[in-house]
All heavy atoms as atom14 arrays in JSON, in Angstrom:
{
  "sequence": "MIAPGFDGDRFIDVDRMFEEDGTPAESARPNTKVLIPCDKKPPQGA",
  "atom14_mask": [
    [1, 1, 1, 1, 1, 1, 1, 1, 0, 0, 0, 0, 0, 0],
    [1, 1, 1, 1, 1, 1, 1, 1, 0, 0, 0, 0, 0, 0],
    [1, 1, 1, 1, 1, 0, 0, 0, 0, 0, 0, 0, 0, 0],
    [1, 1, 1, 1, 1, 1, 1, 0, 0, 0, 0, 0, 0, 0],
    [1, 1, 1, 1, 0, 0, 0, 0, 0, 0, 0, 0, 0, 0],
    [1, 1, 1, 1, 1, 1, 1, 1, 1, 1, 1, 0, 0, 0],
    [1, 1, 1, 1, 1, 1, 1, 1, 0, 0, 0, 0, 0, 0],
    [1, 1, 1, 1, 0, 0, 0, 0, 0, 0, 0, 0, 0, 0],
    [1, 1, 1, 1, 1, 1, 1, 1, 0, 0, 0, 0, 0, 0],
    [1, 1, 1, 1, 1, 1, 1, 1, 1, 1, 1, 0, 0, 0],
    [1, 1, 1, 1, 1, 1, 1, 1, 1, 1, 1, 0, 0, 0],
    [1, 1, 1, 1, 1, 1, 1, 1, 0, 0, 0, 0, 0, 0],
    [1, 1, 1, 1, 1, 1, 1, 1, 0, 0, 0, 0, 0, 0],
    [1, 1, 1, 1, 1, 1, 1, 0, 0, 0, 0, 0, 0, 0],
    [1, 1, 1, 1, 1, 1, 1, 1, 0, 0, 0, 0, 0, 0],
    [1, 1, 1, 1, 1, 1, 1, 1, 1, 1, 1, 0, 0, 0],
    [1, 1, 1, 1, 1, 1, 1, 1, 0, 0, 0, 0, 0, 0],
    [1, 1, 1, 1, 1, 1, 1, 1, 1, 1, 1, 0, 0, 0],
    [1, 1, 1, 1, 1, 1, 1, 1, 1, 0, 0, 0, 0, 0],
    [1, 1, 1, 1, 1, 1, 1, 1, 1, 0, 0, 0, 0, 0],
    [1, 1, 1, 1, 1, 1, 1, 1, 0, 0, 0, 0, 0, 0],
    [1, 1, 1, 1, 0, 0, 0, 0, 0, 0, 0, 0, 0, 0],
    [1, 1, 1, 1, 1, 1, 1, 0, 0, 0, 0, 0, 0, 0],
    [1, 1, 1, 1, 1, 1, 1, 0, 0, 0, 0, 0, 0, 0],
    [1, 1, 1, 1, 1, 0, 0, 0, 0, 0, 0, 0, 0, 0],
    [1, 1, 1, 1, 1, 1, 1, 1, 1, 0, 0, 0, 0, 0],
    [1, 1, 1, 1, 1, 1, 0, 0, 0, 0, 0, 0, 0, 0],
    [1, 1, 1, 1, 1, 0, 0, 0, 0, 0, 0, 0, 0, 0],
    [1, 1, 1, 1, 1, 1, 1, 1, 1, 1, 1, 0, 0, 0],
    [1, 1, 1, 1, 1, 1, 1, 0, 0, 0, 0, 0, 0, 0],
    [1, 1, 1, 1, 1, 1, 1, 1, 0, 0, 0, 0, 0, 0],
    [1, 1, 1, 1, 1, 1, 1, 0, 0, 0, 0, 0, 0, 0],
    [1, 1, 1, 1, 1, 1, 1, 1, 1, 0, 0, 0, 0, 0],
    [1, 1, 1, 1, 1, 1, 1, 0, 0, 0, 0, 0, 0, 0],
    [1, 1, 1, 1, 1, 1, 1, 1, 0, 0, 0, 0, 0, 0],
    [1, 1, 1, 1, 1, 1, 1, 1, 0, 0, 0, 0, 0, 0],
    [1, 1, 1, 1, 1, 1, 1, 0, 0, 0, 0, 0, 0, 0],
    [1, 1, 1, 1, 1, 1, 0, 0, 0, 0, 0, 0, 0, 0],
    [1, 1, 1, 1, 1, 1, 1, 1, 0, 0, 0, 0, 0, 0],
    [1, 1, 1, 1, 1, 1, 1, 1, 1, 0, 0, 0, 0, 0],
    [1, 1, 1, 1, 1, 1, 1, 1, 1, 0, 0, 0, 0, 0],
    [1, 1, 1, 1, 1, 1, 1, 0, 0, 0, 0, 0, 0, 0],
    [1, 1, 1, 1, 1, 1, 1, 0, 0, 0, 0, 0, 0, 0],
    [1, 1, 1, 1, 1, 1, 1, 1, 1, 0, 0, 0, 0, 0],
    [1, 1, 1, 1, 0, 0, 0, 0, 0, 0, 0, 0, 0, 0],
    [1, 1, 1, 1, 1, 0, 0, 0, 0, 0, 0, 0, 0, 0]
  ],
  "atom14_positions": [
    [[-7.35, 19.9, -9.31], [-7.37, 19.66, -7.87], [-6.47, 18.47, -7.56], [-6.57, 17.44, -8.21], [-8.78, 19.38, -7.38], [-8.87, 19.08, -5.88], [-10.57, 19.05, -5.27], [-11.23, 17.65, -6.16], [0.0, 0.0, 0.0], [0.0, 0.0, 0.0], [0.0, 0.0, 0.0], [0.0, 0.0, 0.0], [0.0, 0.0, 0.0], [0.0, 0.0, 0.0]],
    [[-5.57, 18.65, -6.59], [-4.76, 17.54, -6.12], [-5.04, 17.32, -4.64], [-5.48, 18.24, -3.94], [-3.26, 17.74, -6.37], [-2.69, 18.87, -5.49], [-2.98, 18.04, -7.85], [-1.17, 18.96, -5.53], [0.0, 0.0, 0.0], [0.0, 0.0, 0.0], [0.0, 0.0, 0.0], [0.0, 0.0, 0.0], [0.0, 0.0, 0.0], [0.0, 0.0, 0.0]],
    [[-4.77, 16.1, -4.19], [-5.1, 15.73, -2.81], [-4.11, 14.69, -2.32], [-3.32, 14.15, -3.1], [-6.53, 15.19, -2.75], [0.0, 0.0, 0.0], [0.0, 0.0, 0.0], [0.0, 0.0, 0.0], [0.0, 0.0, 0.0], [0.0, 0.0, 0.0], [0.0, 0.0, 0.0], [0.0, 0.0, 0.0], [0.0, 0.0, 0.0], [0.0, 0.0, 0.0]],
    [[-4.1, 14.39, -1.01], [-3.22, 13.34, -0.51], [-3.41, 12.04, -1.28], [-4.53, 11.71, -1.7], [-3.65, 13.19, 0.95], [-4.17, 14.54, 1.32], [-4.84, 15.05, 0.07], [0.0, 0.0, 0.0], [0.0, 0.0, 0.0], [0.0, 0.0, 0.0], [0.0, 0.0, 0.0], [0.0, 0.0, 0.0], [0.0, 0.0, 0.0], [0.0, 0.0, 0.0]],
    [[-2.32, 11.29, -1.46], [-2.37, 10.17, -2.37], [-2.4, 10.72, -3.78], [-1.97, 11.82, -4.03], [0.0, 0.0, 0.0], [0.0, 0.0, 0.0], [0.0, 0.0, 0.0], [0.0, 0.0, 0.0], [0.0, 0.0, 0.0], [0.0, 0.0, 0.0], [0.0, 0.0, 0.0], [0.0, 0.0, 0.0], [0.0, 0.0, 0.0], [0.0, 0.0, 0.0]],
    [[-2.89, 10.02, -4.73], [-3.08, 10.55, -6.07], [-4.49, 10.23, -6.58], [-4.88, 10.7, -7.65], [-2.03, 9.96, -7.03], [-0.68, 10.61, -6.92], [0.2, 10.25, -5.91], [-0.29, 11.61, -7.8], [1.45, 10.84, -5.79], [0.95, 12.21, -7.7], [1.82, 11.83, -6.69], [0.0, 0.0, 0.0], [0.0, 0.0, 0.0], [0.0, 0.0, 0.0]],
    [[-5.26, 9.49, -5.79], [-6.58, 9.06, -6.25], [-7.57, 10.2, -6.38], [-8.53, 10.1, -7.15], [-7.14, 8.0, -5.29], [-6.29, 6.74, -5.26], [-5.57, 6.5, -6.24], [-6.36, 6.01, -4.25], [0.0, 0.0, 0.0], [0.0, 0.0, 0.0], [0.0, 0.0, 0.0], [0.0, 0.0, 0.0], [0.0, 0.0, 0.0], [0.0, 0.0, 0.0]],
    [[-7.37, 11.28, -5.61], [-8.34, 12.38, -5.64], [-8.07, 13.44, -6.68], [-8.82, 14.41, -6.79], [0.0, 0.0, 0.0], [0.0, 0.0, 0.0], [0.0, 0.0, 0.0], [0.0, 0.0, 0.0], [0.0, 0.0, 0.0], [0.0, 0.0, 0.0], [0.0, 0.0, 0.0], [0.0, 0.0, 0.0], [0.0, 0.0, 0.0], [0.0, 0.0, 0.0]],
    [[-7.03, 13.29, -7.48], [-6.69, 14.3, -8.48], [-7.75, 14.33, -9.58], [-8.22, 13.29, -10.05], [-5.33, 13.99, -9.1], [-4.18, 14.2, -8.13], [-4.44, 14.35, -6.93], [-3.02, 14.22, -8.58], [0.0, 0.0, 0.0], [0.0, 0.0, 0.0], [0.0, 0.0, 0.0], [0.0, 0.0, 0.0], [0.0, 0.0, 0.0], [0.0, 0.0, 0.0]],
    [[-8.08, 15.54, -10.01], [-9.06, 15.68, -11.09], [-8.99, 17.08, -11.68], [-8.51, 18.01, -11.04], [-10.48, 15.41, -10.57], [-10.88, 16.32, -9.42], [-12.23, 15.97, -8.85], [-13.27, 16.14, -9.83], [-14.57, 16.22, -9.53], [-14.96, 16.13, -8.26], [-15.47, 16.37, -10.46], [0.0, 0.0, 0.0], [0.0, 0.0, 0.0], [0.0, 0.0, 0.0]],
    [[-9.47, 17.2, -12.91], [-9.59, 18.5, -13.56], [-11.01, 19.0, -13.41], [-11.98, 18.21, -13.45], [-9.21, 18.41, -15.04], [-7.73, 18.24, -15.26], [-7.18, 16.97, -15.41], [-6.88, 19.34, -15.3], [-5.82, 16.81, -15.6], [-5.52, 19.18, -15.5], [-4.99, 17.92, -15.65], [0.0, 0.0, 0.0], [0.0, 0.0, 0.0], [0.0, 0.0, 0.0]],
    [[-11.15, 20.32, -13.24], [-12.45, 20.93, -13.03], [-12.6, 22.1, -13.99], [-11.72, 22.99, -14.05], [-12.6, 21.44, -11.57], [-12.49, 20.28, -10.58], [-13.92, 22.19, -11.39], [-12.35, 20.71, -9.14], [0.0, 0.0, 0.0], [0.0, 0.0, 0.0], [0.0, 0.0, 0.0], [0.0, 0.0, 0.0], [0.0, 0.0, 0.0], [0.0, 0.0, 0.0]],
    [[-13.69, 22.12, -14.75], [-14.01, 23.27, -15.6], [-14.83, 24.25, -14.76], [-15.91, 23.91, -14.27], [-14.82, 22.83, -16.82], [-13.98, 22.01, -17.79], [-12.82, 22.39, -18.02], [-14.49, 21.01, -18.32], [0.0, 0.0, 0.0], [0.0, 0.0, 0.0], [0.0, 0.0, 0.0], [0.0, 0.0, 0.0], [0.0, 0.0, 0.0], [0.0, 0.0, 0.0]],
    [[-14.3, 25.46, -14.6], [-14.97, 26.47, -13.79], [-16.02, 27.16, -14.67], [-15.71, 28.1, -15.4], [-13.97, 27.49, -13.22], [-14.71, 28.5, -12.33], [-12.86, 26.8, -12.44], [0.0, 0.0, 0.0], [0.0, 0.0, 0.0], [0.0, 0.0, 0.0], [0.0, 0.0, 0.0], [0.0, 0.0, 0.0], [0.0, 0.0, 0.0], [0.0, 0.0, 0.0]],
    [[-17.25, 26.65, -14.64], [-18.29, 27.27, -15.45], [-19.15, 28.25, -14.65], [-19.87, 29.07, -15.23], [-19.17, 26.21, -16.12], [-19.74, 25.2, -15.13], [-19.61, 25.43, -13.91], [-20.3, 24.19, -15.59], [0.0, 0.0, 0.0], [0.0, 0.0, 0.0], [0.0, 0.0, 0.0], [0.0, 0.0, 0.0], [0.0, 0.0, 0.0], [0.0, 0.0, 0.0]],
    [[-19.06, 28.14, -13.31], [-19.75, 29.1, -12.45], [-18.91, 29.35, -11.2], [-18.12, 28.51, -10.78], [-21.12, 28.57, -12.03], [-22.16, 28.52, -13.14], [-23.46, 27.96, -12.61], [-23.32, 26.57, -12.18], [-24.12, 25.97, -11.3], [-25.1, 26.66, -10.7], [-23.95, 24.71, -10.98], [0.0, 0.0, 0.0], [0.0, 0.0, 0.0], [0.0, 0.0, 0.0]],
    [[-19.13, 30.52, -10.61], [-18.37, 30.9, -9.42], [-19.22, 31.88, -8.61], [-19.97, 32.68, -9.19], [-17.04, 31.56, -9.84], [-16.1, 31.88, -8.71], [-14.65, 32.82, -9.29], [-14.0, 31.77, -10.59], [0.0, 0.0, 0.0], [0.0, 0.0, 0.0], [0.0, 0.0, 0.0], [0.0, 0.0, 0.0], [0.0, 0.0, 0.0], [0.0, 0.0, 0.0]],
    [[-19.1, 31.81, -7.29], [-19.9, 32.67, -6.43], [-19.05, 33.27, -5.31], [-18.11, 32.63, -4.83], [-21.05, 31.86, -5.8], [-21.94, 31.21, -6.81], [-21.68, 29.93, -7.26], [-23.05, 31.89, -7.31], [-22.5, 29.31, -8.19], [-23.88, 31.28, -8.25], [-23.6, 30.0, -8.7], [0.0, 0.0, 0.0], [0.0, 0.0, 0.0], [0.0, 0.0, 0.0]],
    [[-19.43, 34.49, -4.92], [-18.84, 35.09, -3.72], [-19.33, 34.32, -2.49], [-20.24, 33.48, -2.59], [-19.24, 36.56, -3.6], [-18.92, 37.41, -4.81], [-17.47, 37.8, -4.91], [-16.7, 37.41, -4.0], [-17.08, 38.49, -5.87], [0.0, 0.0, 0.0], [0.0, 0.0, 0.0], [0.0, 0.0, 0.0], [0.0, 0.0, 0.0], [0.0, 0.0, 0.0]],
    [[-18.75, 34.61, -1.35], [-19.14, 33.9, -0.12], [-20.62, 34.05, 0.2], [-21.24, 33.14, 0.76], [-18.31, 34.41, 1.06], [-16.88, 33.9, 1.1], [-16.18, 34.28, 2.39], [-15.64, 35.41, 2.47], [-16.2, 33.46, 3.33], [0.0, 0.0, 0.0], [0.0, 0.0, 0.0], [0.0, 0.0, 0.0], [0.0, 0.0, 0.0], [0.0, 0.0, 0.0]],
    [[-21.21, 35.21, -0.17], [-22.62, 35.44, 0.13], [-23.56, 34.88, -0.93], [-24.77, 35.06, -0.86], [-22.88, 36.93, 0.33], [-22.59, 37.74, -0.94], [-22.25, 37.14, -1.99], [-22.7, 38.99, -0.89], [0.0, 0.0, 0.0], [0.0, 0.0, 0.0], [0.0, 0.0, 0.0], [0.0, 0.0, 0.0], [0.0, 0.0, 0.0], [0.0, 0.0, 0.0]],
    [[-23.01, 34.2, -1.94], [-23.83, 33.58, -2.98], [-23.97, 34.42, -4.23], [-24.59, 33.97, -5.21], [0.0, 0.0, 0.0], [0.0, 0.0, 0.0], [0.0, 0.0, 0.0], [0.0, 0.0, 0.0], [0.0, 0.0, 0.0], [0.0, 0.0, 0.0], [0.0, 0.0, 0.0], [0.0, 0.0, 0.0], [0.0, 0.0, 0.0], [0.0, 0.0, 0.0]],
    [[-23.42, 35.62, -4.24], [-23.48, 36.48, -5.43], [-22.63, 35.9, -6.56], [-21.48, 35.53, -6.32], [-22.97, 37.9, -5.09], [-23.72, 38.42, -4.0], [-23.09, 38.82, -6.31], [0.0, 0.0, 0.0], [0.0, 0.0, 0.0], [0.0, 0.0, 0.0], [0.0, 0.0, 0.0], [0.0, 0.0, 0.0], [0.0, 0.0, 0.0], [0.0, 0.0, 0.0]],
    [[-23.17, 35.78, -7.79], [-22.35, 35.28, -8.9], [-21.11, 36.15, -9.12], [-21.14, 37.36, -8.94], [-23.31, 35.36, -10.09], [-24.68, 35.29, -9.49], [-24.56, 36.02, -8.18], [0.0, 0.0, 0.0], [0.0, 0.0, 0.0], [0.0, 0.0, 0.0], [0.0, 0.0, 0.0], [0.0, 0.0, 0.0], [0.0, 0.0, 0.0], [0.0, 0.0, 0.0]],
    [[-20.02, 35.52, -9.48], [-18.76, 36.22, -9.71], [-18.13, 35.71, -10.99], [-18.39, 34.59, -11.43], [-17.81, 36.02, -8.54], [0.0, 0.0, 0.0], [0.0, 0.0, 0.0], [0.0, 0.0, 0.0], [0.0, 0.0, 0.0], [0.0, 0.0, 0.0], [0.0, 0.0, 0.0], [0.0, 0.0, 0.0], [0.0, 0.0, 0.0], [0.0, 0.0, 0.0]],
    [[-17.29, 36.54, -11.59], [-16.6, 36.18, -12.83], [-15.14, 35.78, -12.57], [-14.53, 35.12, -13.42], [-16.64, 37.34, -13.82], [-18.02, 37.6, -14.4], [-18.56, 36.41, -15.18], [-17.79, 35.8, -15.95], [-19.73, 36.05, -14.99], [0.0, 0.0, 0.0], [0.0, 0.0, 0.0], [0.0, 0.0, 0.0], [0.0, 0.0, 0.0], [0.0, 0.0, 0.0]],
    [[-14.6, 36.19, -11.42], [-13.19, 35.88, -11.15], [-12.97, 35.75, -9.66], [-13.73, 36.26, -8.84], [-12.28, 36.97, -11.72], [-12.48, 38.2, -11.05], [0.0, 0.0, 0.0], [0.0, 0.0, 0.0], [0.0, 0.0, 0.0], [0.0, 0.0, 0.0], [0.0, 0.0, 0.0], [0.0, 0.0, 0.0], [0.0, 0.0, 0.0], [0.0, 0.0, 0.0]],
    [[-11.91, 35.02, -9.32], [-11.45, 34.89, -7.94], [-10.18, 35.69, -7.77], [-9.31, 35.66, -8.64], [-11.19, 33.43, -7.61], [0.0, 0.0, 0.0], [0.0, 0.0, 0.0], [0.0, 0.0, 0.0], [0.0, 0.0, 0.0], [0.0, 0.0, 0.0], [0.0, 0.0, 0.0], [0.0, 0.0, 0.0], [0.0, 0.0, 0.0], [0.0, 0.0, 0.0]],
    [[-10.06, 36.41, -6.68], [-8.9, 37.26, -6.43], [-8.13, 36.76, -5.22], [-8.72, 36.14, -4.32], [-9.35, 38.71, -6.19], [-10.13, 39.3, -7.34], [-10.67, 40.69, -7.01], [-11.47, 40.71, -5.78], [-12.73, 40.31, -5.72], [-13.34, 39.85, -6.79], [-13.39, 40.36, -4.57], [0.0, 0.0, 0.0], [0.0, 0.0, 0.0], [0.0, 0.0, 0.0]],
    [[-6.83, 37.01, -5.17], [-6.04, 36.58, -4.01], [-6.61, 37.13, -2.72], [-7.13, 38.25, -2.67], [-4.64, 37.15, -4.31], [-4.6, 37.31, -5.79], [-6.0, 37.67, -6.2], [0.0, 0.0, 0.0], [0.0, 0.0, 0.0], [0.0, 0.0, 0.0], [0.0, 0.0, 0.0], [0.0, 0.0, 0.0], [0.0, 0.0, 0.0], [0.0, 0.0, 0.0]],
    [[-6.5, 36.32, -1.66], [-6.92, 36.71, -0.31], [-8.42, 36.93, -0.19], [-8.88, 37.71, 0.64], [-6.15, 37.95, 0.15], [-4.65, 37.74, 0.12], [-4.15, 36.71, 0.56], [-3.93, 38.71, -0.44], [0.0, 0.0, 0.0], [0.0, 0.0, 0.0], [0.0, 0.0, 0.0], [0.0, 0.0, 0.0], [0.0, 0.0, 0.0], [0.0, 0.0, 0.0]],
    [[-9.19, 36.25, -1.04], [-10.64, 36.22, -0.91], [-11.08, 34.75, -0.9], [-10.27, 33.85, -1.11], [-11.35, 36.95, -2.07], [-11.09, 36.25, -3.29], [-10.85, 38.39, -2.19], [0.0, 0.0, 0.0], [0.0, 0.0, 0.0], [0.0, 0.0, 0.0], [0.0, 0.0, 0.0], [0.0, 0.0, 0.0], [0.0, 0.0, 0.0], [0.0, 0.0, 0.0]],
    [[-12.37, 34.53, -0.69], [-12.92, 33.19, -0.76], [-14.04, 33.16, -1.79], [-14.83, 34.12, -1.9], [-13.43, 32.74, 0.61], [-12.32, 32.5, 1.62], [-12.86, 31.99, 2.95], [-11.71, 31.73, 3.93], [-12.21, 31.25, 5.25], [0.0, 0.0, 0.0], [0.0, 0.0, 0.0], [0.0, 0.0, 0.0], [0.0, 0.0, 0.0], [0.0, 0.0, 0.0]],
    [[-14.1, 32.07, -2.55], [-15.16, 31.9, -3.53], [-15.73, 30.49, -3.4], [-15.1, 29.6, -2.8], [-14.68, 32.12, -4.98], [-14.19, 33.56, -5.17], [-13.6, 31.12, -5.37], [0.0, 0.0, 0.0], [0.0, 0.0, 0.0], [0.0, 0.0, 0.0], [0.0, 0.0, 0.0], [0.0, 0.0, 0.0], [0.0, 0.0, 0.0], [0.0, 0.0, 0.0]],
    [[-16.91, 30.29, -3.98], [-17.57, 28.99, -4.0], [-17.66, 28.51, -5.45], [-18.03, 29.28, -6.34], [-18.97, 29.1, -3.41], [-19.07, 29.59, -1.95], [-20.51, 29.88, -1.59], [-18.47, 28.56, -1.01], [0.0, 0.0, 0.0], [0.0, 0.0, 0.0], [0.0, 0.0, 0.0], [0.0, 0.0, 0.0], [0.0, 0.0, 0.0], [0.0, 0.0, 0.0]],
    [[-17.32, 27.24, -5.68], [-17.37, 26.65, -7.01], [-18.18, 25.36, -6.93], [-17.89, 24.49, -6.1], [-15.96, 26.35, -7.55], [-15.16, 27.65, -7.72], [-16.03, 25.61, -8.87], [-13.74, 27.42, -8.16], [0.0, 0.0, 0.0], [0.0, 0.0, 0.0], [0.0, 0.0, 0.0], [0.0, 0.0, 0.0], [0.0, 0.0, 0.0], [0.0, 0.0, 0.0]],
    [[-19.2, 25.21, -7.78], [-19.98, 23.96, -7.78], [-19.08, 22.76, -8.08], [-18.16, 22.83, -8.89], [-21.0, 24.17, -8.9], [-21.14, 25.66, -9.01], [-19.77, 26.2, -8.72], [0.0, 0.0, 0.0], [0.0, 0.0, 0.0], [0.0, 0.0, 0.0], [0.0, 0.0, 0.0], [0.0, 0.0, 0.0], [0.0, 0.0, 0.0], [0.0, 0.0, 0.0]],
    [[-19.37, 21.65, -7.4], [-18.56, 20.44, -7.56], [-19.48, 19.24, -7.35], [-20.35, 19.27, -6.47], [-17.42, 20.43, -6.55], [-16.17, 19.17, -6.83], [0.0, 0.0, 0.0], [0.0, 0.0, 0.0], [0.0, 0.0, 0.0], [0.0, 0.0, 0.0], [0.0, 0.0, 0.0], [0.0, 0.0, 0.0], [0.0, 0.0, 0.0], [0.0, 0.0, 0.0]],
    [[-19.29, 18.17, -8.16], [-20.23, 17.06, -8.1], [-20.0, 16.12, -6.92], [-20.84, 15.26, -6.64], [-20.2, 16.26, -9.42], [-18.81, 15.75, -9.76], [-17.9, 15.91, -8.92], [-18.63, 15.21, -10.86], [0.0, 0.0, 0.0], [0.0, 0.0, 0.0], [0.0, 0.0, 0.0], [0.0, 0.0, 0.0], [0.0, 0.0, 0.0], [0.0, 0.0, 0.0]],
    [[-18.85, 16.26, -6.23], [-18.66, 15.48, -5.01], [-17.73, 16.23, -4.06], [-16.92, 17.07, -4.49], [-18.11, 14.09, -5.33], [-16.75, 14.06, -5.99], [-16.33, 12.6, -6.23], [-14.96, 12.53, -6.9], [-14.54, 11.13, -7.13], [0.0, 0.0, 0.0], [0.0, 0.0, 0.0], [0.0, 0.0, 0.0], [0.0, 0.0, 0.0], [0.0, 0.0, 0.0]],
    [[-17.83, 15.89, -2.8], [-17.05, 16.59, -1.78], [-15.56, 16.31, -1.97], [-15.15, 15.15, -2.1], [-17.49, 16.14, -0.39], [-16.83, 16.91, 0.74], [-17.39, 16.46, 2.09], [-16.75, 17.24, 3.24], [-17.3, 16.83, 4.56], [0.0, 0.0, 0.0], [0.0, 0.0, 0.0], [0.0, 0.0, 0.0], [0.0, 0.0, 0.0], [0.0, 0.0, 0.0]],
    [[-14.72, 17.35, -2.0], [-13.28, 17.15, -2.19], [-12.64, 16.45, -0.99], [-13.14, 16.54, 0.13], [-12.73, 18.57, -2.34], [-13.91, 19.43, -2.64], [-15.06, 18.77, -1.96], [0.0, 0.0, 0.0], [0.0, 0.0, 0.0], [0.0, 0.0, 0.0], [0.0, 0.0, 0.0], [0.0, 0.0, 0.0], [0.0, 0.0, 0.0], [0.0, 0.0, 0.0]],
    [[-11.52, 15.74, -1.22], [-10.81, 15.12, -0.09], [-10.24, 16.19, 0.85], [-10.02, 17.33, 0.48], [-9.67, 14.36, -0.78], [-10.06, 14.26, -2.21], [-10.9, 15.46, -2.51], [0.0, 0.0, 0.0], [0.0, 0.0, 0.0], [0.0, 0.0, 0.0], [0.0, 0.0, 0.0], [0.0, 0.0, 0.0], [0.0, 0.0, 0.0], [0.0, 0.0, 0.0]],
    [[-10.02, 15.79, 2.09], [-9.42, 16.68, 3.07], [-8.04, 17.16, 2.59], [-7.23, 16.36, 2.11], [-9.28, 15.99, 4.42], [-8.73, 16.89, 5.52], [-8.55, 16.16, 6.83], [-8.52, 14.94, 6.87], [-8.41, 16.92, 7.92], [0.0, 0.0, 0.0], [0.0, 0.0, 0.0], [0.0, 0.0, 0.0], [0.0, 0.0, 0.0], [0.0, 0.0, 0.0]],
    [[-7.79, 18.46, 2.71], [-6.49, 19.01, 2.33], [-6.33, 19.27, 0.86], [-5.21, 19.59, 0.41], [0.0, 0.0, 0.0], [0.0, 0.0, 0.0], [0.0, 0.0, 0.0], [0.0, 0.0, 0.0], [0.0, 0.0, 0.0], [0.0, 0.0, 0.0], [0.0, 0.0, 0.0], [0.0, 0.0, 0.0], [0.0, 0.0, 0.0], [0.0, 0.0, 0.0]],
    [[-7.39, 19.15, 0.06], [-7.27, 19.35, -1.39], [-6.83, 20.78, -1.69], [-7.22, 21.74, -1.02], [-8.59, 19.06, -2.06], [0.0, 0.0, 0.0], [0.0, 0.0, 0.0], [0.0, 0.0, 0.0], [0.0, 0.0, 0.0], [0.0, 0.0, 0.0], [0.0, 0.0, 0.0], [0.0, 0.0, 0.0], [0.0, 0.0, 0.0], [0.0, 0.0, 0.0]]
  ]
}
């Protein structure tokens, strides 16, 4: 993940993923939306 400035950059291990409705998913596809657990809120524009 990269963000404005360089302070918000970080690596994320994708160990879980969910569809928009909360259903577990194994992959993300172009032109869809997925949810990924994260320990803190990402910076704006990440």
